[in-house]
Amino acid sequence: MKAVAIEKFKAQPQVMDLPKPAARKGALVVKMLAAGLNPFDWKMIDGILDGQMKHQFPMIIGVDGCGIVEEVGEGVTRFKKGDKVYGQFIHSPIGEGSFAEYVVVPEKASITFAPQKADPAQAAAVPTSGMTAEQLLDKLHLHKGDLLLVYGATGGVGSYAVQLAALQGIKVIATVSDGAGARRMKSLGAAVTINYEDAPIFEQVRQLYPDGIHGIIDLVSHAAGFSKNLDLLKPGGGAYTTVFVADEQEIKDKGLHGGNFETESSPEALDKLAQIIDSGELVVPVETKITLEQVPEAIIQSRHGRGKGKTVIMIS
């Protein structure tokens, strides 16, 4: 089968011909239809989980995906052959990822039944970004009418955060770089868009909301920028970063809450997202569709933060 894999940490990903995986006890084989590209994919290539989880090489990369159950191993009870599933296919050993024509995955991994009203590309674009946005909003404890700055709004997580917040009646301030981004964010529910090419975001938000805002989801800032943005918040406000640049003691000292955020994956969180998608209230932002052969170049682009919306790999 075709798969995108690396021979060692920090190596350039390659499309390889590798053996099709076999079902094993407690696991299922999924024929992959599509896979979602995330920044975490290149972080895994660089060895972010080295020493924390077992790895095997060649290491097939990829976390998010959607596919059809082809075979179930002994003891599998939740899924059967023919089920359409989606979620995060990451598990131990690292190296049996979603960028492949077939994947073996434990039944207990963060996978569940795919949304009925999403095609494979849309379903593959949801898991990591959707769960991250969902949980960030939960942690901020915002209320209807509150002001939320989404810094890095046009990417995958940002696109979901804008929509999920708007569904709760939260007023979203979305950062953009051009008119097309502004129009897309408005269509997803943003109340206000701010072009960071015009002037620093801090200055623009401070001018618009001199009394402060209630929450910040920061998906892009370096440590200094994140720290400065804390001064935009009202007392008791919250700010989270997915880039792990927060000084959590500084946040507490300023009478705020928040910090560095890490997604807690679960089938239950995926089921919740599937319900929202099937209700028709969530637009899945698939921006670009590529093939397995185009993945190595797409990972280079992701490293440089050039993604808008979501890139999905069409597999079969």
C-alpha atoms as a PDB file:
ATOM      1  CA  MET A   1       0.000   0.000   0.000  1.00  0.00           C
ATOM      2  CA  LYS A   2       1.002   3.639  -0.402  1.00  0.00           C
ATOM      3  CA  ALA A   3       1.824   5.616   2.729  1.00  0.00           C
ATOM      4  CA  VAL A   4       3.706   8.785   3.694  1.00  0.00           C
ATOM      5  CA  ALA A   5       6.437   7.887   6.143  1.00  0.00           C
ATOM      6  CA  ILE A   6       9.870   8.787   7.488  1.00  0.00           C
ATOM      7  CA  GLU A   7      12.890   6.559   8.086  1.00  0.00           C
ATOM      8  CA  LYS A   8      14.066   8.514  11.153  1.00  0.00           C
ATOM      9  CA  PHE A   9      13.182  11.607  13.171  1.00  0.00           C
ATOM     10  CA  LYS A  10      13.487  14.913  11.278  1.00  0.00           C
ATOM     11  CA  ALA A  11      13.794  13.111   7.936  1.00  0.00           C
ATOM     12  CA  GLN A  12      11.954  14.341   4.871  1.00  0.00           C
ATOM     13  CA  PRO A  13       8.621  12.471   4.491  1.00  0.00           C
ATOM     14  CA  GLN A  14       8.381  10.193   1.475  1.00  0.00           C
ATOM     15  CA  VAL A  15       5.639   8.235  -0.267  1.00  0.00           C
ATOM     16  CA  MET A  16       6.565   4.600   0.312  1.00  0.00           C
ATOM     17  CA  ASP A  17       5.194   1.204  -0.648  1.00  0.00           C
ATOM     18  CA  LEU A  18       4.620  -0.583   2.659  1.00  0.00           C
ATOM     19  CA  PRO A  19       2.808  -3.773   3.695  1.00  0.00           C
ATOM     20  CA  LYS A  20      -0.926  -3.518   4.300  1.00  0.00           C
ATOM     21  CA  PRO A  21      -1.529  -3.856   8.066  1.00  0.00           C
ATOM     22  CA  ALA A  22      -3.356  -6.874   9.465  1.00  0.00           C
ATOM     23  CA  ALA A  23      -6.085  -6.793  12.089  1.00  0.00           C
ATOM     24  CA  ARG A  24      -5.011  -7.675  15.599  1.00  0.00           C
ATOM     25  CA  LYS A  25      -6.732  -8.261  18.916  1.00  0.00           C
ATOM     26  CA  GLY A  26      -8.771  -5.224  19.985  1.00  0.00           C
ATOM     27  CA  ALA A  27      -8.039  -3.322  16.771  1.00  0.00           C
ATOM     28  CA  LEU A  28      -9.549  -2.751  13.352  1.00  0.00           C
ATOM     29  CA  VAL A  29      -8.203  -2.142   9.868  1.00  0.00           C
ATOM     30  CA  VAL A  30      -9.626   0.951   8.178  1.00  0.00           C
ATOM     31  CA  LYS A  31      -9.488   1.641   4.460  1.00  0.00           C
ATOM     32  CA  MET A  32      -8.705   5.358   4.519  1.00  0.00           C
ATOM     33  CA  LEU A  33     -10.742   7.706   2.360  1.00  0.00           C
ATOM     34  CA  ALA A  34      -9.215  11.006   3.489  1.00  0.00           C
ATOM     35  CA  ALA A  35      -6.815  12.397   6.087  1.00  0.00           C
ATOM     36  CA  GLY A  36      -6.457  15.843   7.620  1.00  0.00           C
ATOM     37  CA  LEU A  37      -3.171  17.739   7.782  1.00  0.00           C
ATOM     38  CA  ASN A  38      -2.235  19.443  11.080  1.00  0.00           C
ATOM     39  CA  PRO A  39       0.858  21.229  12.434  1.00  0.00           C
ATOM     40  CA  PHE A  40       1.184  18.340  14.903  1.00  0.00           C
ATOM     41  CA  ASP A  41       2.118  16.078  11.981  1.00  0.00           C
ATOM     42  CA  TRP A  42       5.464  17.793  11.422  1.00  0.00           C
ATOM     43  CA  LYS A  43       6.000  18.054  15.171  1.00  0.00           C
ATOM     44  CA  MET A  44       5.748  14.251  15.298  1.00  0.00           C
ATOM     45  CA  ILE A  45       8.298  14.066  12.496  1.00  0.00           C
ATOM     46  CA  ASP A  46      10.608  16.179  14.662  1.00  0.00           C
ATOM     47  CA  GLY A  47      10.130  13.759  17.582  1.00  0.00           C
ATOM     48  CA  ILE A  48       7.774  15.648  19.885  1.00  0.00           C
ATOM     49  CA  LEU A  49       6.611  12.320  21.370  1.00  0.00           C
ATOM     50  CA  ASP A  50      10.046  10.684  21.480  1.00  0.00           C
ATOM     51  CA  GLY A  51      10.528   9.235  24.950  1.00  0.00           C
ATOM     52  CA  GLN A  52       6.808   9.489  25.737  1.00  0.00           C
ATOM     53  CA  MET A  53       5.444   6.817  23.399  1.00  0.00           C
ATOM     54  CA  LYS A  54       6.928   3.889  21.527  1.00  0.00           C
ATOM     55  CA  HIS A  55       7.785   4.603  17.866  1.00  0.00           C
ATOM     56  CA  GLN A  56       8.336   2.311  14.904  1.00  0.00           C
ATOM     57  CA  PHE A  57      10.068   3.019  11.597  1.00  0.00           C
ATOM     58  CA  PRO A  58       9.344   3.501   8.783  1.00  0.00           C
ATOM     59  CA  MET A  59       7.008   5.808  10.715  1.00  0.00           C
ATOM     60  CA  ILE A  60       3.760   6.449   8.872  1.00  0.00           C
ATOM     61  CA  ILE A  61       2.631   9.932   9.858  1.00  0.00           C
ATOM     62  CA  GLY A  62      -0.808  11.482  10.182  1.00  0.00           C
ATOM     63  CA  VAL A  63      -3.350  11.769  12.992  1.00  0.00           C
ATOM     64  CA  ASP A  64      -6.754  12.798  11.611  1.00  0.00           C
ATOM     65  CA  GLY A  65      -8.739  10.801   9.109  1.00  0.00           C
ATOM     66  CA  CYS A  66     -11.916   9.200   7.861  1.00  0.00           C
ATOM     67  CA  GLY A  67     -12.415   5.774   6.359  1.00  0.00           C
ATOM     68  CA  ILE A  68     -14.386   2.537   6.119  1.00  0.00           C
ATOM     69  CA  VAL A  69     -13.795  -0.375   8.491  1.00  0.00           C
ATOM     70  CA  GLU A  70     -12.346  -3.184   6.374  1.00  0.00           C
ATOM     71  CA  GLU A  71     -11.656  -5.798   9.039  1.00  0.00           C
ATOM     72  CA  VAL A  72     -12.105  -6.169  12.798  1.00  0.00           C
ATOM     73  CA  GLY A  73      -9.833  -8.066  15.132  1.00  0.00           C
ATOM     74  CA  GLU A  74     -10.703 -10.400  17.969  1.00  0.00           C
ATOM     75  CA  GLY A  75     -12.588  -8.689  20.773  1.00  0.00           C
ATOM     76  CA  VAL A  76     -13.749  -5.647  18.783  1.00  0.00           C
ATOM     77  CA  THR A  77     -17.394  -4.956  19.646  1.00  0.00           C
ATOM     78  CA  ARG A  78     -18.068  -1.291  18.877  1.00  0.00           C
ATOM     79  CA  PHE A  79     -17.398  -1.361  15.142  1.00  0.00           C
ATOM     80  CA  LYS A  80     -18.106  -3.775  12.299  1.00  0.00           C
ATOM     81  CA  LYS A  81     -17.001  -4.127   8.704  1.00  0.00           C
ATOM     82  CA  GLY A  82     -18.478  -1.369   6.543  1.00  0.00           C
ATOM     83  CA  ASP A  83     -18.808   1.263   9.289  1.00  0.00           C
ATOM     84  CA  LYS A  84     -17.689   4.764   8.302  1.00  0.00           C
ATOM     85  CA  VAL A  85     -15.459   6.130  11.058  1.00  0.00           C
ATOM     86  CA  TYR A  86     -13.515   9.310  11.751  1.00  0.00           C
ATOM     87  CA  GLY A  87     -11.244  10.678  14.417  1.00  0.00           C
ATOM     88  CA  GLN A  88      -7.648  10.640  15.577  1.00  0.00           C
ATOM     89  CA  PHE A  89      -5.829   7.497  14.505  1.00  0.00           C
ATOM     90  CA  ILE A  90      -2.779   8.198  16.682  1.00  0.00           C
ATOM     91  CA  HIS A  91      -1.860   5.381  19.077  1.00  0.00           C
ATOM     92  CA  SER A  92       1.101   3.408  20.361  1.00  0.00           C
ATOM     93  CA  PRO A  93       3.292   2.535  18.574  1.00  0.00           C
ATOM     94  CA  ILE A  94       3.601   5.887  16.810  1.00  0.00           C
ATOM     95  CA  GLY A  95       4.102   5.068  13.149  1.00  0.00           C
ATOM     96  CA  GLU A  96       0.741   3.597  12.140  1.00  0.00           C
ATOM     97  CA  GLY A  97      -0.698   6.964  11.106  1.00  0.00           C
ATOM     98  CA  SER A  98      -3.526   8.111   8.878  1.00  0.00           C
ATOM     99  CA  PHE A  99      -1.511   9.111   5.788  1.00  0.00           C
ATOM    100  CA  ALA A 100      -1.872   5.659   4.281  1.00  0.00           C
ATOM    101  CA  GLU A 101      -4.266   3.617   2.180  1.00  0.00           C
ATOM    102  CA  TYR A 102      -4.924   1.322   5.170  1.00  0.00           C
ATOM    103  CA  VAL A 103      -4.530   1.918   8.905  1.00  0.00           C
ATOM    104  CA  VAL A 104      -4.691  -0.442  11.874  1.00  0.00           C
ATOM    105  CA  VAL A 105      -6.104   1.319  14.934  1.00  0.00           C
ATOM    106  CA  PRO A 106      -7.197   0.160  18.400  1.00  0.00           C
ATOM    107  CA  GLU A 107     -10.937   0.193  18.993  1.00  0.00           C
ATOM    108  CA  LYS A 108     -10.267   2.305  22.112  1.00  0.00           C
ATOM    109  CA  ALA A 109      -8.522   5.080  20.174  1.00  0.00           C
ATOM    110  CA  SER A 110     -10.222   8.462  19.708  1.00  0.00           C
ATOM    111  CA  ILE A 111     -12.346   7.344  16.769  1.00  0.00           C
ATOM    112  CA  THR A 112     -16.098   7.146  16.370  1.00  0.00           C
ATOM    113  CA  PHE A 113     -18.817   6.998  13.744  1.00  0.00           C
ATOM    114  CA  ALA A 114     -18.410   9.712  11.108  1.00  0.00           C
ATOM    115  CA  PRO A 115     -20.967  12.519  10.765  1.00  0.00           C
ATOM    116  CA  GLN A 116     -23.717  11.414   8.396  1.00  0.00           C
ATOM    117  CA  LYS A 117     -23.907  14.760   6.630  1.00  0.00           C
ATOM    118  CA  ALA A 118     -20.171  15.171   6.027  1.00  0.00           C
ATOM    119  CA  ASP A 119     -18.280  13.738   3.075  1.00  0.00           C
ATOM    120  CA  PRO A 120     -14.948  11.999   3.803  1.00  0.00           C
ATOM    121  CA  ALA A 121     -12.893  15.143   3.178  1.00  0.00           C
ATOM    122  CA  GLN A 122     -15.019  17.161   5.591  1.00  0.00           C
ATOM    123  CA  ALA A 123     -14.959  14.446   8.252  1.00  0.00           C
ATOM    124  CA  ALA A 124     -11.163  14.154   7.998  1.00  0.00           C
ATOM    125  CA  ALA A 125     -10.827  17.919   8.489  1.00  0.00           C
ATOM    126  CA  VAL A 126     -12.625  17.938  11.829  1.00  0.00           C
ATOM    127  CA  PRO A 127     -11.008  15.849  14.614  1.00  0.00           C
ATOM    128  CA  THR A 128      -7.969  17.667  16.028  1.00  0.00           C
ATOM    129  CA  SER A 129      -8.965  21.204  15.045  1.00  0.00           C
ATOM    130  CA  GLY A 130     -12.604  20.740  16.006  1.00  0.00           C
ATOM    131  CA  MET A 131     -11.918  19.197  19.413  1.00  0.00           C
ATOM    132  CA  THR A 132      -9.285  21.850  20.141  1.00  0.00           C
ATOM    133  CA  ALA A 133     -11.694  24.704  19.364  1.00  0.00           C
ATOM    134  CA  GLU A 134     -14.511  23.038  21.298  1.00  0.00           C
ATOM    135  CA  GLN A 135     -12.400  22.549  24.429  1.00  0.00           C
ATOM    136  CA  LEU A 136     -10.787  25.995  24.301  1.00  0.00           C
ATOM    137  CA  LEU A 137     -14.233  27.569  24.406  1.00  0.00           C
ATOM    138  CA  ASP A 138     -15.298  25.295  27.258  1.00  0.00           C
ATOM    139  CA  LYS A 139     -12.279  26.361  29.313  1.00  0.00           C
ATOM    140  CA  LEU A 140     -12.869  30.082  28.750  1.00  0.00           C
ATOM    141  CA  HIS A 141     -16.346  29.937  30.361  1.00  0.00           C
ATOM    142  CA  LEU A 142     -17.696  32.763  28.206  1.00  0.00           C
ATOM    143  CA  HIS A 143     -21.317  33.888  28.078  1.00  0.00           C
ATOM    144  CA  LYS A 144     -23.668  35.216  25.442  1.00  0.00           C
ATOM    145  CA  GLY A 145     -22.611  38.731  24.457  1.00  0.00           C
ATOM    146  CA  ASP A 146     -19.018  38.366  25.698  1.00  0.00           C
ATOM    147  CA  LEU A 147     -16.144  39.540  23.476  1.00  0.00           C
ATOM    148  CA  LEU A 148     -13.660  36.917  22.257  1.00  0.00           C
ATOM    149  CA  LEU A 149     -10.503  37.648  20.276  1.00  0.00           C
ATOM    150  CA  VAL A 150      -9.474  34.724  18.048  1.00  0.00           C
ATOM    151  CA  TYR A 151      -5.872  35.387  17.052  1.00  0.00           C
ATOM    152  CA  GLY A 152      -5.079  33.188  14.046  1.00  0.00           C
ATOM    153  CA  ALA A 153      -8.730  32.860  13.097  1.00  0.00           C
ATOM    154  CA  THR A 154      -8.346  31.837   9.461  1.00  0.00           C
ATOM    155  CA  GLY A 155      -6.640  28.496  10.176  1.00  0.00           C
ATOM    156  CA  GLY A 156      -8.320  25.204  10.997  1.00  0.00           C
ATOM    157  CA  VAL A 157      -8.768  25.650  14.760  1.00  0.00           C
ATOM    158  CA  GLY A 158      -9.662  29.309  14.338  1.00  0.00           C
ATOM    159  CA  SER A 159     -12.342  28.583  11.765  1.00  0.00           C
ATOM    160  CA  TYR A 160     -14.069  26.188  14.168  1.00  0.00           C
ATOM    161  CA  ALA A 161     -13.600  28.459  17.179  1.00  0.00           C
ATOM    162  CA  VAL A 162     -15.260  31.371  15.379  1.00  0.00           C
ATOM    163  CA  GLN A 163     -18.274  29.246  14.464  1.00  0.00           C
ATOM    164  CA  LEU A 164     -18.695  27.459  17.777  1.00  0.00           C
ATOM    165  CA  ALA A 165     -18.404  30.737  19.684  1.00  0.00           C
ATOM    166  CA  ALA A 166     -20.915  32.475  17.424  1.00  0.00           C
ATOM    167  CA  LEU A 167     -23.364  29.607  17.948  1.00  0.00           C
ATOM    168  CA  GLN A 168     -23.215  30.429  21.679  1.00  0.00           C
ATOM    169  CA  GLY A 169     -23.933  34.111  21.060  1.00  0.00           C
ATOM    170  CA  ILE A 170     -20.353  35.168  21.791  1.00  0.00           C
ATOM    171  CA  LYS A 171     -19.128  38.196  19.818  1.00  0.00           C
ATOM    172  CA  VAL A 172     -16.002  37.113  17.959  1.00  0.00           C
ATOM    173  CA  ILE A 173     -13.193  39.457  16.919  1.00  0.00           C
ATOM    174  CA  ALA A 174     -11.303  37.524  14.217  1.00  0.00           C
ATOM    175  CA  THR A 175      -7.835  38.404  12.929  1.00  0.00           C
ATOM    176  CA  VAL A 176      -7.342  38.322   9.152  1.00  0.00           C
ATOM    177  CA  SER A 177      -4.712  39.353   6.605  1.00  0.00           C
ATOM    178  CA  ASP A 178      -6.889  40.400   3.663  1.00  0.00           C
ATOM    179  CA  GLY A 179     -10.393  41.091   2.402  1.00  0.00           C
ATOM    180  CA  ALA A 180     -11.018  37.480   1.406  1.00  0.00           C
ATOM    181  CA  GLY A 181     -10.208  36.335   4.927  1.00  0.00           C
ATOM    182  CA  ALA A 182     -12.467  38.993   6.380  1.00  0.00           C
ATOM    183  CA  ARG A 183     -15.369  37.893   4.186  1.00  0.00           C
ATOM    184  CA  ARG A 184     -14.849  34.246   5.118  1.00  0.00           C
ATOM    185  CA  MET A 185     -14.707  35.006   8.835  1.00  0.00           C
ATOM    186  CA  LYS A 186     -17.876  37.109   8.625  1.00  0.00           C
ATOM    187  CA  SER A 187     -19.609  34.233   6.811  1.00  0.00           C
ATOM    188  CA  LEU A 188     -18.607  31.904   9.678  1.00  0.00           C
ATOM    189  CA  GLY A 189     -20.114  34.226  12.280  1.00  0.00           C
ATOM    190  CA  ALA A 190     -17.405  36.698  13.317  1.00  0.00           C
ATOM    191  CA  ALA A 191     -18.867  39.972  14.598  1.00  0.00           C
ATOM    192  CA  VAL A 192     -15.728  41.967  13.801  1.00  0.00           C
ATOM    193  CA  THR A 193     -12.610  41.331  11.700  1.00  0.00           C
ATOM    194  CA  ILE A 194      -9.255  43.017  12.245  1.00  0.00           C
ATOM    195  CA  ASN A 195      -6.565  43.057   9.553  1.00  0.00           C
ATOM    196  CA  TYR A 196      -3.176  42.640  11.202  1.00  0.00           C
ATOM    197  CA  GLU A 197      -1.518  44.123   8.109  1.00  0.00           C
ATOM    198  CA  ASP A 198      -3.080  47.515   8.901  1.00  0.00           C
ATOM    199  CA  ALA A 199      -1.730  47.993  12.434  1.00  0.00           C
ATOM    200  CA  PRO A 200      -0.772  45.849  15.445  1.00  0.00           C
ATOM    201  CA  ILE A 201      -3.700  43.783  16.702  1.00  0.00           C
ATOM    202  CA  PHE A 202      -3.205  45.024  20.249  1.00  0.00           C
ATOM    203  CA  GLU A 203      -3.620  48.648  19.201  1.00  0.00           C
ATOM    204  CA  GLN A 204      -6.685  47.956  17.077  1.00  0.00           C
ATOM    205  CA  VAL A 205      -8.467  45.954  19.772  1.00  0.00           C
ATOM    206  CA  ARG A 206      -7.608  48.493  22.472  1.00  0.00           C
ATOM    207  CA  GLN A 207      -9.029  51.279  20.304  1.00  0.00           C
ATOM    208  CA  LEU A 208     -12.235  49.366  19.551  1.00  0.00           C
ATOM    209  CA  TYR A 209     -12.737  48.074  23.103  1.00  0.00           C
ATOM    210  CA  PRO A 210     -11.028  50.417  25.583  1.00  0.00           C
ATOM    211  CA  ASP A 211     -12.908  48.805  28.480  1.00  0.00           C
ATOM    212  CA  GLY A 212     -11.465  45.395  27.617  1.00  0.00           C
ATOM    213  CA  ILE A 213     -12.615  42.050  26.272  1.00  0.00           C
ATOM    214  CA  HIS A 214     -13.513  38.790  27.988  1.00  0.00           C
ATOM    215  CA  GLY A 215     -11.437  36.100  26.288  1.00  0.00           C
ATOM    216  CA  ILE A 216      -8.543  35.345  23.946  1.00  0.00           C
ATOM    217  CA  ILE A 217      -7.809  32.241  21.903  1.00  0.00           C
ATOM    218  CA  ASP A 218      -4.273  32.734  20.573  1.00  0.00           C
ATOM    219  CA  LEU A 219      -3.100  30.233  17.982  1.00  0.00           C
ATOM    220  CA  VAL A 220      -0.050  32.066  16.626  1.00  0.00           C
ATOM    221  CA  SER A 221       1.678  34.548  18.971  1.00  0.00           C
ATOM    222  CA  HIS A 222       5.157  34.279  20.406  1.00  0.00           C
ATOM    223  CA  ALA A 223       5.605  34.678  24.161  1.00  0.00           C
ATOM    224  CA  ALA A 224       6.011  38.469  24.140  1.00  0.00           C
ATOM    225  CA  GLY A 225       2.925  38.998  21.999  1.00  0.00           C
ATOM    226  CA  PHE A 226       0.782  36.669  24.095  1.00  0.00           C
ATOM    227  CA  SER A 227       1.908  38.405  27.279  1.00  0.00           C
ATOM    228  CA  LYS A 228       1.098  41.852  25.874  1.00  0.00           C
ATOM    229  CA  ASN A 229      -2.359  40.738  24.726  1.00  0.00           C
ATOM    230  CA  LEU A 230      -3.242  39.841  28.326  1.00  0.00           C
ATOM    231  CA  ASP A 231      -3.602  43.575  28.949  1.00  0.00           C
ATOM    232  CA  LEU A 232      -6.602  43.600  26.587  1.00  0.00           C
ATOM    233  CA  LEU A 233      -8.613  41.500  29.045  1.00  0.00           C
ATOM    234  CA  LYS A 234     -11.095  42.629  31.650  1.00  0.00           C
ATOM    235  CA  PRO A 235     -10.416  41.483  35.231  1.00  0.00           C
ATOM    236  CA  GLY A 236     -11.244  37.795  35.495  1.00  0.00           C
ATOM    237  CA  GLY A 237     -10.884  37.257  31.744  1.00  0.00           C
ATOM    238  CA  GLY A 238      -9.248  34.232  30.174  1.00  0.00           C
ATOM    239  CA  ALA A 239      -6.561  33.578  27.572  1.00  0.00           C
ATOM    240  CA  TYR A 240      -5.258  30.328  26.137  1.00  0.00           C
ATOM    241  CA  THR A 241      -2.459  29.584  23.693  1.00  0.00           C
ATOM    242  CA  THR A 242      -1.932  26.416  21.679  1.00  0.00           C
ATOM    243  CA  VAL A 243       1.696  27.388  20.990  1.00  0.00           C
ATOM    244  CA  PHE A 244       2.798  26.805  24.621  1.00  0.00           C
ATOM    245  CA  VAL A 245       4.237  30.288  25.173  1.00  0.00           C
ATOM    246  CA  ALA A 246       2.176  31.321  28.217  1.00  0.00           C
ATOM    247  CA  ASP A 247       3.686  32.269  31.570  1.00  0.00           C
ATOM    248  CA  GLU A 248       0.931  30.786  33.704  1.00  0.00           C
ATOM    249  CA  GLN A 249       2.146  32.527  36.862  1.00  0.00           C
ATOM    250  CA  GLU A 250       1.904  35.885  35.075  1.00  0.00           C
ATOM    251  CA  ILE A 251      -1.694  35.082  34.120  1.00  0.00           C
ATOM    252  CA  LYS A 252      -2.575  34.327  37.758  1.00  0.00           C
ATOM    253  CA  ASP A 253      -0.768  37.430  39.005  1.00  0.00           C
ATOM    254  CA  LYS A 254      -2.897  39.570  36.691  1.00  0.00           C
ATOM    255  CA  GLY A 255      -6.109  38.114  38.068  1.00  0.00           C
ATOM    256  CA  LEU A 256      -6.850  36.176  34.888  1.00  0.00           C
ATOM    257  CA  HIS A 257      -7.233  32.502  34.006  1.00  0.00           C
ATOM    258  CA  GLY A 258      -5.863  30.441  31.137  1.00  0.00           C
ATOM    259  CA  GLY A 259      -2.467  29.277  29.986  1.00  0.00           C
ATOM    260  CA  ASN A 260      -0.998  26.659  27.694  1.00  0.00           C
ATOM    261  CA  PHE A 261      -3.622  24.418  26.153  1.00  0.00           C
ATOM    262  CA  GLU A 262      -3.455  20.776  25.103  1.00  0.00           C
ATOM    263  CA  THR A 263      -6.391  18.945  23.542  1.00  0.00           C
ATOM    264  CA  GLU A 264      -7.906  16.016  25.436  1.00  0.00           C
ATOM    265  CA  SER A 265      -9.162  13.676  22.752  1.00  0.00           C
ATOM    266  CA  SER A 266     -12.096  11.318  23.207  1.00  0.00           C
ATOM    267  CA  PRO A 267     -14.812   9.581  21.185  1.00  0.00           C
ATOM    268  CA  GLU A 268     -17.352  11.573  23.227  1.00  0.00           C
ATOM    269  CA  ALA A 269     -15.898  14.900  22.054  1.00  0.00           C
ATOM    270  CA  LEU A 270     -15.980  13.636  18.472  1.00  0.00           C
ATOM    271  CA  ASP A 271     -19.594  12.496  18.872  1.00  0.00           C
ATOM    272  CA  LYS A 272     -20.522  16.000  20.054  1.00  0.00           C
ATOM    273  CA  LEU A 273     -18.899  17.543  16.976  1.00  0.00           C
ATOM    274  CA  ALA A 274     -20.629  15.041  14.705  1.00  0.00           C
ATOM    275  CA  GLN A 275     -23.989  16.052  16.153  1.00  0.00           C
ATOM    276  CA  ILE A 276     -23.291  19.735  15.479  1.00  0.00           C
ATOM    277  CA  ILE A 277     -22.202  18.959  11.908  1.00  0.00           C
ATOM    278  CA  ASP A 278     -25.285  16.824  11.266  1.00  0.00           C
ATOM    279  CA  SER A 279     -27.476  19.642  12.603  1.00  0.00           C
ATOM    280  CA  GLY A 280     -26.156  21.817   9.771  1.00  0.00           C
ATOM    281  CA  GLU A 281     -24.797  24.476  12.139  1.00  0.00           C
ATOM    282  CA  LEU A 282     -21.084  23.915  11.528  1.00  0.00           C
ATOM    283  CA  VAL A 283     -19.297  24.612   8.245  1.00  0.00           C
ATOM    284  CA  VAL A 284     -16.234  22.412   7.763  1.00  0.00           C
ATOM    285  CA  PRO A 285     -13.529  24.649   6.232  1.00  0.00           C
ATOM    286  CA  VAL A 286     -11.845  22.390   3.667  1.00  0.00           C
ATOM    287  CA  GLU A 287      -9.621  24.817   1.796  1.00  0.00           C
ATOM    288  CA  THR A 288      -7.317  22.509  -0.168  1.00  0.00           C
ATOM    289  CA  LYS A 289      -7.440  18.887  -1.325  1.00  0.00           C
ATOM    290  CA  ILE A 290      -4.205  17.095  -2.172  1.00  0.00           C
ATOM    291  CA  THR A 291      -2.917  13.582  -2.919  1.00  0.00           C
ATOM    292  CA  LEU A 292      -0.520  11.457  -0.872  1.00  0.00           C
ATOM    293  CA  GLU A 293       2.217  12.426  -3.340  1.00  0.00           C
ATOM    294  CA  GLN A 294       1.719  16.100  -2.463  1.00  0.00           C
ATOM    295  CA  VAL A 295       1.981  15.603   1.305  1.00  0.00           C
ATOM    296  CA  PRO A 296       5.769  16.231   1.656  1.00  0.00           C
ATOM    297  CA  GLU A 297       5.429  19.706   0.107  1.00  0.00           C
ATOM    298  CA  ALA A 298       2.269  20.428   2.116  1.00  0.00           C
ATOM    299  CA  ILE A 299       4.161  19.669   5.339  1.00  0.00           C
ATOM    300  CA  ILE A 300       6.828  22.198   4.352  1.00  0.00           C
ATOM    301  CA  GLN A 301       4.084  24.791   3.827  1.00  0.00           C
ATOM    302  CA  SER A 302       2.530  23.920   7.193  1.00  0.00           C
ATOM    303  CA  ARG A 303       5.882  24.400   8.946  1.00  0.00           C
ATOM    304  CA  HIS A 304       5.926  27.962   7.630  1.00  0.00           C
ATOM    305  CA  GLY A 305       2.371  28.670   8.766  1.00  0.00           C
ATOM    306  CA  ARG A 306       1.015  29.187   5.278  1.00  0.00           C
ATOM    307  CA  GLY A 307      -2.177  27.212   5.714  1.00  0.00           C
ATOM    308  CA  LYS A 308      -5.641  28.785   5.555  1.00  0.00           C
ATOM    309  CA  GLY A 309      -8.695  26.763   6.314  1.00  0.00           C
ATOM    310  CA  LYS A 310      -7.902  23.069   6.166  1.00  0.00           C
ATOM    311  CA  THR A 311      -5.786  20.859   3.922  1.00  0.00           C
ATOM    312  CA  VAL A 312      -7.150  17.371   3.347  1.00  0.00           C
ATOM    313  CA  ILE A 313      -5.415  14.418   1.691  1.00  0.00           C
ATOM    314  CA  MET A 314      -7.734  12.438  -0.590  1.00  0.00           C
ATOM    315  CA  ILE A 315      -6.671   8.792  -0.405  1.00  0.00           C
ATOM    316  CA  SER A 316      -9.364   6.705  -2.072  1.00  0.00           C
END
